[in-house]
Protein backbone atom coordinates (compact mmCIF):
# COMPACT_ATOMS: atom_id res chain seq x y z
CA UNK A 1 17.79 -18.08 6.74
CA UNK A 2 17.96 -15.13 9.00
CA UNK A 3 15.69 -16.04 11.91
CA UNK A 4 18.61 -16.58 14.23
CA UNK A 5 19.60 -13.02 13.43
CA UNK A 6 16.34 -11.56 14.64
CA UNK A 7 16.11 -9.83 18.01
CA UNK A 8 13.03 -9.21 20.09
CA UNK A 9 11.08 -6.15 19.28
CA UNK A 10 11.61 -3.85 22.20
CA UNK A 11 9.24 -0.94 21.49
CA UNK A 12 5.61 -1.15 21.80
CA UNK A 13 0.23 1.27 -10.11
CA UNK A 14 -0.39 1.87 -12.91
CA UNK A 15 0.19 5.57 -13.48
CA UNK A 16 -2.73 7.50 -14.64
CA UNK A 17 -2.54 11.30 -14.91
CA UNK A 18 -6.03 12.61 -14.19
CA UNK A 19 -6.89 15.08 -16.96
CA UNK A 20 -3.63 14.23 -18.81
CA UNK A 21 -3.69 10.52 -19.55
CA UNK A 22 -6.66 8.09 -19.57
CA UNK A 23 -6.08 6.82 -17.63
CA UNK A 24 11.90 -17.11 -6.78
CA UNK A 25 14.54 -20.76 -8.31
CA UNK A 26 10.76 -21.14 -6.95
CA UNK A 27 10.18 -19.06 -3.90
CA UNK A 28 12.62 -21.32 -2.11
CA UNK A 29 10.65 -24.28 -0.91
CA UNK A 30 10.53 -22.17 2.13
CA UNK A 31 8.05 -19.84 0.48
CA UNK A 32 5.76 -21.82 -1.83
CA UNK A 33 6.27 -25.49 -2.15
CA UNK A 34 4.66 -25.84 -5.57
CA UNK A 35 7.28 -26.60 -8.23
CA UNK A 36 7.08 -25.05 -11.62
CA UNK A 37 8.38 -26.39 -14.91
CA UNK A 38 11.30 -24.39 -16.33
CA UNK A 39 10.53 -22.30 -19.42
CA UNK A 40 12.40 -23.16 -22.61
CA UNK A 41 14.95 -20.78 -24.20
CA UNK A 42 18.09 -18.87 -23.19
CA UNK A 43 18.16 -17.73 -19.60
CA UNK A 44 18.91 -13.99 -19.11
CA UNK A 45 19.09 -12.44 -15.67
CA UNK A 46 16.14 -10.05 -15.12
CA UNK A 47 17.84 -8.46 -12.12
CA UNK A 48 20.75 -6.87 -14.02
CA UNK A 49 19.34 -3.45 -14.44
CA UNK A 50 20.91 -0.01 -14.27
CA UNK A 51 21.27 0.88 -10.60
CA UNK A 52 20.49 4.48 -9.83
CA UNK A 53 20.96 4.57 -6.07
CA UNK A 54 24.01 3.31 -4.17
CA UNK A 55 24.50 2.22 -0.56
CA UNK A 56 26.01 4.94 1.52
CA UNK A 57 28.81 2.69 2.69
CA UNK A 58 30.86 -0.01 0.91
CA UNK A 59 30.87 -2.00 4.12
CA UNK A 60 27.64 -3.93 4.58
CA UNK A 61 25.86 -3.19 7.82
CA UNK A 62 24.32 -6.14 9.62
CA UNK A 63 20.51 -5.69 9.75
CA UNK A 64 18.81 -7.04 12.93
CA UNK A 65 15.11 -7.17 12.62
CA UNK A 66 12.51 -7.55 15.33
CA UNK A 67 11.14 -11.03 15.69
CA UNK A 68 8.07 -11.68 13.50
CA UNK A 69 4.72 -11.62 15.28
CA UNK A 70 1.25 -12.87 14.29
CA UNK A 71 -1.30 -10.25 13.18
CA UNK A 72 -4.88 -11.61 13.43
CA UNK A 73 -6.32 -9.03 11.06
CA UNK A 74 -5.58 -6.38 8.40
CA UNK A 75 -8.53 -4.00 9.01
CA UNK A 76 -7.57 -1.10 6.77
CA UNK A 77 -5.20 -0.01 4.06
CA UNK A 78 -1.68 -0.21 5.42
CA UNK A 79 -2.74 -2.73 8.10
CA UNK A 80 -3.51 -0.61 11.10
CA UNK A 81 -4.28 3.09 11.37
CA UNK A 82 -0.71 4.15 11.94
CA UNK A 83 0.44 2.05 8.90
CA UNK A 84 3.40 0.58 10.99
CA UNK A 85 3.18 -3.24 10.70
CA UNK A 86 6.81 -4.06 11.32
CA UNK A 87 7.61 -7.86 10.94
CA UNK A 88 4.64 -10.22 10.38
CA UNK A 89 4.67 -13.95 11.11
CA UNK A 90 3.73 -16.44 8.44
CA UNK A 91 4.66 -20.14 7.92
CA UNK A 92 7.91 -21.20 6.23
CA UNK A 93 6.19 -23.47 3.75
CA UNK A 94 3.19 -21.65 2.25
CA UNK A 95 0.81 -23.28 -0.20
CA UNK A 96 -2.16 -21.91 -2.16
CA UNK A 97 -5.26 -22.98 -0.28
CA UNK A 98 -7.94 -21.33 -2.35
CA UNK A 99 -8.72 -18.71 -4.97
CA UNK A 100 -12.03 -16.96 -5.60
CA UNK A 101 -13.45 -14.47 -8.06
CA UNK A 102 -14.52 -11.30 -6.27
CA UNK A 103 -16.31 -9.49 -9.07
CA UNK A 104 -15.47 -7.31 -12.07
CA UNK A 105 -11.81 -6.87 -13.06
CA UNK A 106 -9.99 -3.91 -14.49
CA UNK A 107 -10.30 -2.74 -18.09
CA UNK A 108 -9.35 0.34 -20.13
CA UNK A 109 -11.64 2.55 -18.24
CA UNK A 110 -11.64 1.17 -14.68
CA UNK A 111 -8.92 0.03 -12.31
CA UNK A 112 -8.53 -1.91 -9.11
CA UNK A 113 -6.39 0.24 -6.83
CA UNK A 114 -7.69 -0.90 -3.39
CA UNK A 115 -6.04 -3.61 -1.36
CA UNK A 116 -8.23 -6.11 0.41
CA UNK A 117 -8.81 -5.79 4.19
CA UNK A 118 -9.37 -8.68 6.67
CA UNK A 119 -11.09 -8.95 10.06
CA UNK A 120 -13.10 -11.47 12.06
CA UNK A 121 -12.28 -14.30 9.60
CA UNK A 122 -13.65 -12.32 6.70
CA UNK A 123 -11.87 -10.86 3.64
CA UNK A 124 -13.38 -7.69 2.05
CA UNK A 125 -12.63 -6.42 -1.44
CA UNK A 126 -13.99 -3.75 -3.75
CA UNK A 127 -14.01 -4.53 -7.51
CA UNK A 128 -13.78 -2.43 -10.63
CA UNK A 129 -17.52 -1.69 -10.61
CA UNK A 130 -17.77 -0.52 -7.00
CA UNK A 131 -19.10 -3.76 -5.60
CA UNK A 132 -17.93 -4.76 -2.05
CA UNK A 133 -17.53 -8.46 -1.53
CA UNK A 134 -17.11 -10.36 1.71
CA UNK A 135 -15.53 -13.84 1.66
CA UNK A 136 -14.75 -16.46 4.27
CA UNK A 137 -11.02 -16.09 4.93
CA UNK A 138 -10.59 -19.91 5.49
CA UNK A 139 -12.48 -21.16 2.41
CA UNK A 140 -12.92 -18.28 0.00
CA UNK A 141 -16.74 -18.80 -0.03
CA UNK A 142 -18.76 -15.63 -0.64
CA UNK A 143 -20.64 -14.33 2.41
CA UNK A 144 -22.27 -11.23 0.86
CA UNK A 145 -21.96 -8.75 -2.02
CA UNK A 146 -23.10 -5.08 -2.00
CA UNK A 147 -22.98 -2.78 -5.00
CA UNK A 148 -22.34 0.86 -4.16
CA UNK A 149 -23.07 2.47 -7.52
CA UNK A 150 -25.70 5.20 -7.06
CA UNK A 151 -28.73 5.13 -9.28
CA UNK A 152 -28.28 6.38 -12.87
CA UNK A 153 -24.50 6.58 -12.45
CA UNK A 154 -22.19 4.95 -15.03
CA UNK A 155 -18.90 6.78 -14.39
CA UNK A 156 -16.70 7.10 -11.37
CA UNK A 157 -16.05 3.47 -10.56
CA UNK A 158 -12.41 3.93 -9.48
CA UNK A 159 -12.92 3.73 -5.73
CA UNK A 160 -10.71 4.69 -2.92
CA UNK A 161 -10.82 1.63 -0.72
CA UNK A 162 -12.05 -0.03 2.41
CA UNK A 163 -11.55 0.10 6.21
CA UNK A 164 -13.07 -1.95 9.11
CA UNK A 165 -13.87 -1.21 12.73
CA UNK A 166 -16.35 -2.57 15.28
CA UNK A 167 -18.29 -4.72 12.85
CA UNK A 168 -18.63 -1.95 10.30
CA UNK A 169 -17.02 -1.87 6.79
CA UNK A 170 -16.41 1.65 5.40
CA UNK A 171 -15.92 2.36 1.70
CA UNK A 172 -14.82 5.50 -0.04
CA UNK A 173 -15.91 5.72 -3.72
CA UNK A 174 -15.26 7.55 -6.94
CA UNK A 175 -18.87 8.71 -6.70
CA UNK A 176 -17.79 11.07 -3.85
CA UNK A 177 -19.55 8.93 -1.29
CA UNK A 178 -18.44 7.39 1.93
CA UNK A 179 -20.62 4.38 2.86
CA UNK A 180 -20.90 2.41 6.09
CA UNK A 181 -22.01 -1.28 5.83
CA UNK A 182 -22.79 -3.98 8.43
CA UNK A 183 -19.82 -6.45 8.15
CA UNK A 184 -22.16 -9.44 8.79
CA UNK A 185 -24.58 -8.97 5.90
CA UNK A 186 -23.44 -5.98 3.83
CA UNK A 187 -26.46 -3.80 4.69
CA UNK A 188 -25.79 -0.10 4.13
CA UNK A 189 -25.97 1.73 7.48
CA UNK A 190 -25.34 5.21 6.16
CA UNK A 191 -24.08 7.03 3.09
CA UNK A 192 -22.57 10.52 2.99
CA UNK A 193 -21.70 12.53 -0.12
CA UNK A 194 -18.51 14.65 0.23
CA UNK A 195 -18.81 16.48 -3.10
CA UNK A 196 -15.67 15.23 -4.82
CA UNK A 197 -14.43 11.77 -5.87
CA UNK A 198 -12.42 9.79 -3.32
CA UNK A 199 -9.37 7.97 -4.59
CA UNK A 200 -7.78 6.84 -1.20
CA UNK A 201 -9.03 4.44 1.37
CA UNK A 202 -10.45 5.81 4.57
CA UNK A 203 -8.75 5.44 7.97
CA UNK A 204 -10.76 4.75 11.14
CA UNK A 205 -9.67 4.94 14.77
CA UNK A 206 -11.29 5.92 18.00
CA UNK A 207 -14.76 6.40 16.63
CA UNK A 208 -13.53 8.82 13.88
CA UNK A 209 -13.20 8.24 10.16
CA UNK A 210 -10.68 10.18 8.07
CA UNK A 211 -10.83 10.41 4.22
CA UNK A 212 -9.18 12.67 1.64
CA UNK A 213 -10.93 13.77 -1.58
CA UNK A 214 -9.26 14.39 -4.98
CA UNK A 215 -9.61 18.13 -4.21
CA UNK A 216 -7.16 17.70 -1.34
CA UNK A 217 -9.73 18.09 1.38
CA UNK A 218 -9.48 16.04 4.53
CA UNK A 219 -12.77 15.12 6.23
CA UNK A 220 -13.04 13.90 9.81
CA UNK A 221 -16.33 12.14 10.34
CA UNK A 222 -18.23 10.39 13.11
CA UNK A 223 -17.83 6.68 12.31
CA UNK A 224 -21.18 5.70 13.67
CA UNK A 225 -23.33 8.35 11.98
CA UNK A 226 -21.35 9.87 9.04
CA UNK A 227 -21.55 13.37 10.53
CA UNK A 228 -18.66 15.63 9.33
CA UNK A 229 -16.82 16.79 12.48
CA UNK A 230 -14.28 19.08 10.86
CA UNK A 231 -12.38 19.53 7.55
CA UNK A 232 -8.98 20.72 6.32
CA UNK A 233 -8.14 21.86 2.74
CA UNK A 234 -4.74 21.56 1.11
CA UNK A 235 -3.59 23.20 -2.10
CA UNK A 236 -5.53 22.11 -5.22
CA UNK A 237 -3.81 20.25 -8.16
CA UNK A 238 -5.06 20.00 -11.65
CA UNK A 239 -3.33 16.66 -12.31
CA UNK A 240 -2.39 13.76 -10.19
CA UNK A 241 -1.59 10.00 -10.16
CA UNK A 242 -4.44 7.51 -9.87
CA UNK A 243 -4.89 6.57 -6.28
CA UNK A 244 -3.95 8.35 -3.09
CA UNK A 245 -2.55 8.01 0.43
CA UNK A 246 -4.81 7.10 3.29
CA UNK A 247 -4.25 9.27 6.41
CA UNK A 248 -2.14 7.88 9.27
CA UNK A 249 -3.56 8.16 12.75
CA UNK A 250 -1.79 7.62 16.12
CA UNK A 251 -1.25 9.40 19.41
CA UNK A 252 -4.13 11.78 18.95
CA UNK A 253 -2.77 13.04 15.65
CA UNK A 254 -3.81 12.44 11.99
CA UNK A 255 -1.24 12.96 9.25
CA UNK A 256 -2.74 13.63 5.82
CA UNK A 257 -0.84 13.55 2.50
CA UNK A 258 -2.11 15.45 -0.51
CA UNK A 259 -1.49 15.36 -4.25
CA UNK A 260 0.29 18.76 -3.92
CA UNK A 261 3.10 17.11 -1.93
CA UNK A 262 1.85 18.72 1.31
CA UNK A 263 2.05 16.71 4.48
CA UNK A 264 -0.13 18.01 7.35
CA UNK A 265 -0.43 16.85 10.99
CA UNK A 266 -3.66 17.80 12.82
CA UNK A 267 -5.24 17.10 16.13
CA UNK A 268 -7.85 14.30 15.70
CA UNK A 269 -10.46 15.86 17.93
CA UNK A 270 -10.42 19.50 16.72
CA UNK A 271 -8.59 19.53 13.32
CA UNK A 272 -6.09 22.11 14.66
CA UNK A 273 -2.96 22.13 12.56
CA UNK A 274 0.15 21.10 14.40
CA UNK A 275 2.60 21.40 11.61
CA UNK A 276 2.88 21.04 7.81
CA UNK A 277 5.66 20.29 5.38
CA UNK A 278 6.04 19.86 1.61
CA UNK A 279 7.88 16.93 0.10
CA UNK A 280 9.05 18.28 -3.20
CA UNK A 281 12.44 17.61 -4.78
CA UNK A 282 14.59 20.16 -6.48
CA UNK A 283 15.55 17.97 -9.47
CA UNK A 284 12.58 17.01 -11.60
CA UNK A 285 13.36 16.08 -15.16
CA UNK A 286 10.02 15.33 -16.91
CA UNK A 287 6.31 16.03 -16.90
CA UNK A 288 5.54 12.94 -14.77
CA UNK A 289 8.17 13.73 -12.12
CA UNK A 290 6.81 17.27 -11.69
CA UNK A 291 3.73 15.63 -9.94
CA UNK A 292 4.62 16.17 -6.30
CA UNK A 293 1.89 13.88 -5.01
CA UNK A 294 2.33 11.76 -1.99
CA UNK A 295 0.71 8.53 -3.13
CA UNK A 296 2.28 6.18 -0.67
CA UNK A 297 0.68 6.11 2.75
CA UNK A 298 2.58 8.06 5.44
CA UNK A 299 3.62 6.05 8.52
CA UNK A 300 3.52 7.02 12.18
CA UNK A 301 6.03 4.96 14.07
CA UNK A 302 7.24 5.66 17.71
CA UNK A 303 6.98 9.37 17.35
CA UNK A 304 8.27 9.62 13.84
CA UNK A 305 6.38 10.30 10.63
CA UNK A 306 7.87 8.63 7.51
CA UNK A 307 6.68 9.74 4.12
CA UNK A 308 7.77 9.72 0.51
CA UNK A 309 6.61 11.73 -2.51
CA UNK A 310 6.50 10.81 -6.18
CA UNK A 311 8.51 13.78 -7.15
CA UNK A 312 11.52 12.55 -5.28
CA UNK A 313 11.64 13.49 -1.59
CA UNK A 314 11.60 11.11 1.41
CA UNK A 315 11.56 12.44 4.93
CA UNK A 316 11.37 11.41 8.60
CA UNK A 317 9.64 14.09 10.64
CA UNK A 318 9.20 14.44 14.40
CA UNK A 319 5.39 13.89 15.03
CA UNK A 320 5.29 16.38 17.87
CA UNK A 321 7.26 19.26 16.52
CA UNK A 322 7.24 18.82 12.67
CA UNK A 323 11.05 19.04 12.60
CA UNK A 324 12.70 17.02 9.88
CA UNK A 325 14.98 14.38 11.38
CA UNK A 326 16.44 13.52 7.95
CA UNK A 327 15.42 13.67 4.31
CA UNK A 328 16.64 12.01 1.03
CA UNK A 329 15.97 12.71 -2.64
CA UNK A 330 14.13 9.49 -3.30
CA UNK A 331 10.79 9.16 -5.08
CA UNK A 332 8.13 6.50 -5.03
CA UNK A 333 4.49 5.83 -5.80
CA UNK A 334 4.35 3.07 -3.14
CA UNK A 335 4.05 3.08 0.56
CA UNK A 336 7.30 2.42 2.51
CA UNK A 337 7.51 -0.26 5.16
CA UNK A 338 9.04 0.20 8.55
CA UNK A 339 10.40 -2.70 10.69
CA UNK A 340 12.36 -2.05 13.83
CA UNK A 341 15.23 0.30 12.96
CA UNK A 342 14.88 -0.11 9.15
CA UNK A 343 12.73 1.19 6.31
CA UNK A 344 12.05 -0.62 3.00
CA UNK A 345 10.76 0.99 -0.21
CA UNK A 346 10.32 0.52 -3.90
CA UNK A 347 11.67 3.56 -5.75
CA UNK A 348 10.48 5.21 -9.02
CA UNK A 349 13.47 3.62 -10.69
CA UNK A 350 12.30 0.06 -9.94
CA UNK A 351 14.73 -0.51 -7.08
CA UNK A 352 14.06 -2.00 -3.62
CA UNK A 353 16.02 -0.23 -0.96
CA UNK A 354 16.77 -0.74 2.72
CA UNK A 355 17.38 2.34 4.83
CA UNK A 356 18.23 3.26 8.36
CA UNK A 357 15.19 4.65 10.18
CA UNK A 358 17.52 6.63 12.35
CA UNK A 359 19.35 8.69 9.79
CA UNK A 360 18.11 7.67 6.31
CA UNK A 361 21.32 6.00 5.21
CA UNK A 362 20.87 3.59 2.33
CA UNK A 363 22.03 0.17 3.40
CA UNK A 364 21.46 -1.91 0.27
CA UNK A 365 19.86 -1.42 -3.18
CA UNK A 366 18.37 -4.22 -5.35
CA UNK A 367 17.39 -3.35 -8.93
CA UNK A 368 14.18 -4.89 -10.25
CA UNK A 369 13.08 -5.84 -13.73
CA UNK A 370 11.95 -2.75 -15.60
CA UNK A 371 10.53 -4.18 -18.77
CA UNK A 372 8.57 -7.34 -19.70
CA UNK A 373 10.31 -7.15 -23.06
CA UNK A 374 13.86 -6.20 -22.00
CA UNK A 375 15.28 -6.34 -25.59
CA UNK A 376 12.81 -3.78 -27.01
CA UNK A 377 12.31 -1.92 -23.76
CA UNK A 378 8.58 -2.51 -24.06
CA UNK A 379 5.85 -3.02 -21.51
CA UNK A 380 7.13 -1.38 -18.40
CA UNK A 381 6.68 -3.30 -15.12
CA UNK A 382 4.92 -1.62 -12.19
CA UNK A 383 5.92 -3.11 -8.87
CA UNK A 384 3.79 -2.84 -5.67
CA UNK A 385 4.69 -3.26 -2.00
CA UNK A 386 6.79 -4.24 -0.18
CA UNK A 387 5.39 -6.07 2.87
CA UNK A 388 7.73 -7.90 5.39
CA UNK A 389 6.72 -11.36 6.54
CA UNK A 390 8.96 -13.93 8.21
CA UNK A 391 12.23 -12.72 6.74
CA UNK A 392 10.85 -12.09 3.28
CA UNK A 393 10.16 -8.88 1.53
CA UNK A 394 7.15 -9.61 -0.76
CA UNK A 395 6.40 -7.51 -3.80
CA UNK A 396 4.00 -7.98 -6.69
CA UNK A 397 4.23 -6.89 -10.31
CA UNK A 398 2.25 -6.06 -13.41
CA UNK A 399 4.26 -8.79 -15.15
CA UNK A 400 2.12 -11.50 -13.39
CA UNK A 401 4.77 -12.20 -10.73
CA UNK A 402 5.28 -12.11 -6.99
CA UNK A 403 8.82 -11.88 -5.84
CA UNK A 404 10.51 -12.43 -2.44
CA UNK A 405 13.74 -10.64 -1.50
CA UNK A 406 15.94 -10.96 1.65
CA UNK A 407 15.35 -8.04 3.94
CA UNK A 408 18.98 -8.48 5.20
CA UNK A 409 20.83 -7.99 1.87
CA UNK A 410 18.29 -7.68 -0.93
CA UNK A 411 19.05 -11.10 -2.44
CA UNK A 412 16.25 -12.52 -4.65
CA UNK A 413 14.82 -15.50 -2.85
CA UNK A 414 12.32 -16.57 -5.46
CA UNK A 415 9.49 -15.79 -7.90
CA UNK A 416 6.07 -17.33 -8.35
CA UNK A 417 3.59 -16.79 -11.07
CA UNK A 418 0.26 -15.04 -10.54
CA UNK A 419 -2.76 -15.75 -12.80
CA UNK A 420 -2.90 -12.10 -13.87
CA UNK A 421 -1.29 -8.70 -13.27
CA UNK A 422 -1.27 -7.53 -9.71
CA UNK A 423 -1.30 -3.76 -9.13
CA UNK A 424 -1.75 -3.67 -5.37
CA UNK A 425 0.40 -5.05 -2.58
CA UNK A 426 -0.60 -8.29 -0.86
CA UNK A 427 -1.87 -8.33 2.73
CA UNK A 428 -1.30 -10.75 5.65
CA UNK A 429 -3.87 -11.87 8.24
CA UNK A 430 -3.86 -14.77 10.71
CA UNK A 431 -0.77 -16.29 9.03
CA UNK A 432 -2.29 -16.19 5.45
CA UNK A 433 -1.07 -14.07 2.53
CA UNK A 434 -3.71 -12.79 0.17
CA UNK A 435 -3.05 -11.51 -3.37
CA UNK A 436 -5.64 -9.61 -5.39
CA UNK A 437 -5.15 -9.54 -9.22
CA UNK A 438 -6.29 -6.93 -11.67
CA UNK A 439 -9.05 -9.33 -12.79
CA UNK A 440 -10.46 -9.44 -9.18
CA UNK A 441 -9.16 -12.92 -8.40
CA UNK A 442 -8.30 -13.24 -4.75
CA UNK A 443 -5.65 -15.91 -3.97
CA UNK A 444 -4.87 -17.18 -0.46
CA UNK A 445 -1.68 -18.85 0.68
CA UNK A 446 -1.25 -20.46 4.08
């Protein structure tokens, strides 16, 4: 399906209000070959949901994606520092090759909000009790485990996430610390307190580490020593969603997203502000939608910044000038995905959409299941992703499912069962797909 349509690439969850709330047919045999027994009972389509958005044209536009390419690693949240991964190559017939427990899972007080990262044949995770684990990417065997909890601390375990560069693993924690560890053995190299909890993963590039605190303060740090090089402060917010957006870095510019809805571009070497914008929508109908937070990671792609806020504004902005190229009233808690001339996203209304990167036109819309109990409208489903791998958009859900959709028309290609809820998007490295469940089980498909 679809590969003949590709063209060469030509150019190089869970909502918690802090301070307010406590906070496929099997995936075609092309996707996973394991067959599953059909469930008894009446079959009701879970895809027939109310559709909020509509395509901008009744005539379907042919989508031509760049050819998929292999990515050997996934060293930080969003893949690489600019968060633009395009079209990743995986095998047609994936099978589960191993699963492994990576520590303590989520409960009523703690969450897993950090995606795994992968580099040098290792997978790194951080569990619900702030323990970083390293596993062999081929076998799932544990290599090392390091707990980052400071002495006499029993609160603040919701961590920001991980990043890797030059044999060092960096972690941002809810204890307000940034920690550097040797990737070979987990030994702590340095620890730096930033004075406020960290809910987003760090971004590392060119010897600098960038991380944002819950107080909307961006820190640029020396990646080797932990020295603070410069800082930038955004507007403070009294409430926000759990989790945050890792900064995007490319072309000598870092783009930071704050819980206030602010988007700021700064020079990486000096911290000088190049431009800033605010992604807030006019129409906000309830207390949750008033949160303007940009929770999904911004993307820097070929001179364009693509970002989306929870309150309902998506924009493409010129990286150099800060001029908006286009904007749409679309909201999301998840990170968008760019591939060639197209953008994919999961909206707040549980829809997967395909858009034109050039002008923001909506090309297709696919509604997703909204409730685990559709009859009683109970147990809302939170979807994470998407990622694009070999002509499949892969998303994960809090209903213990992973789903694949066609990136060309949004058709459902298949569903597989996960052993537990999944609140973070999968990652891909060296042809393998890795899923991390809320109970800290890491599952590898190749």
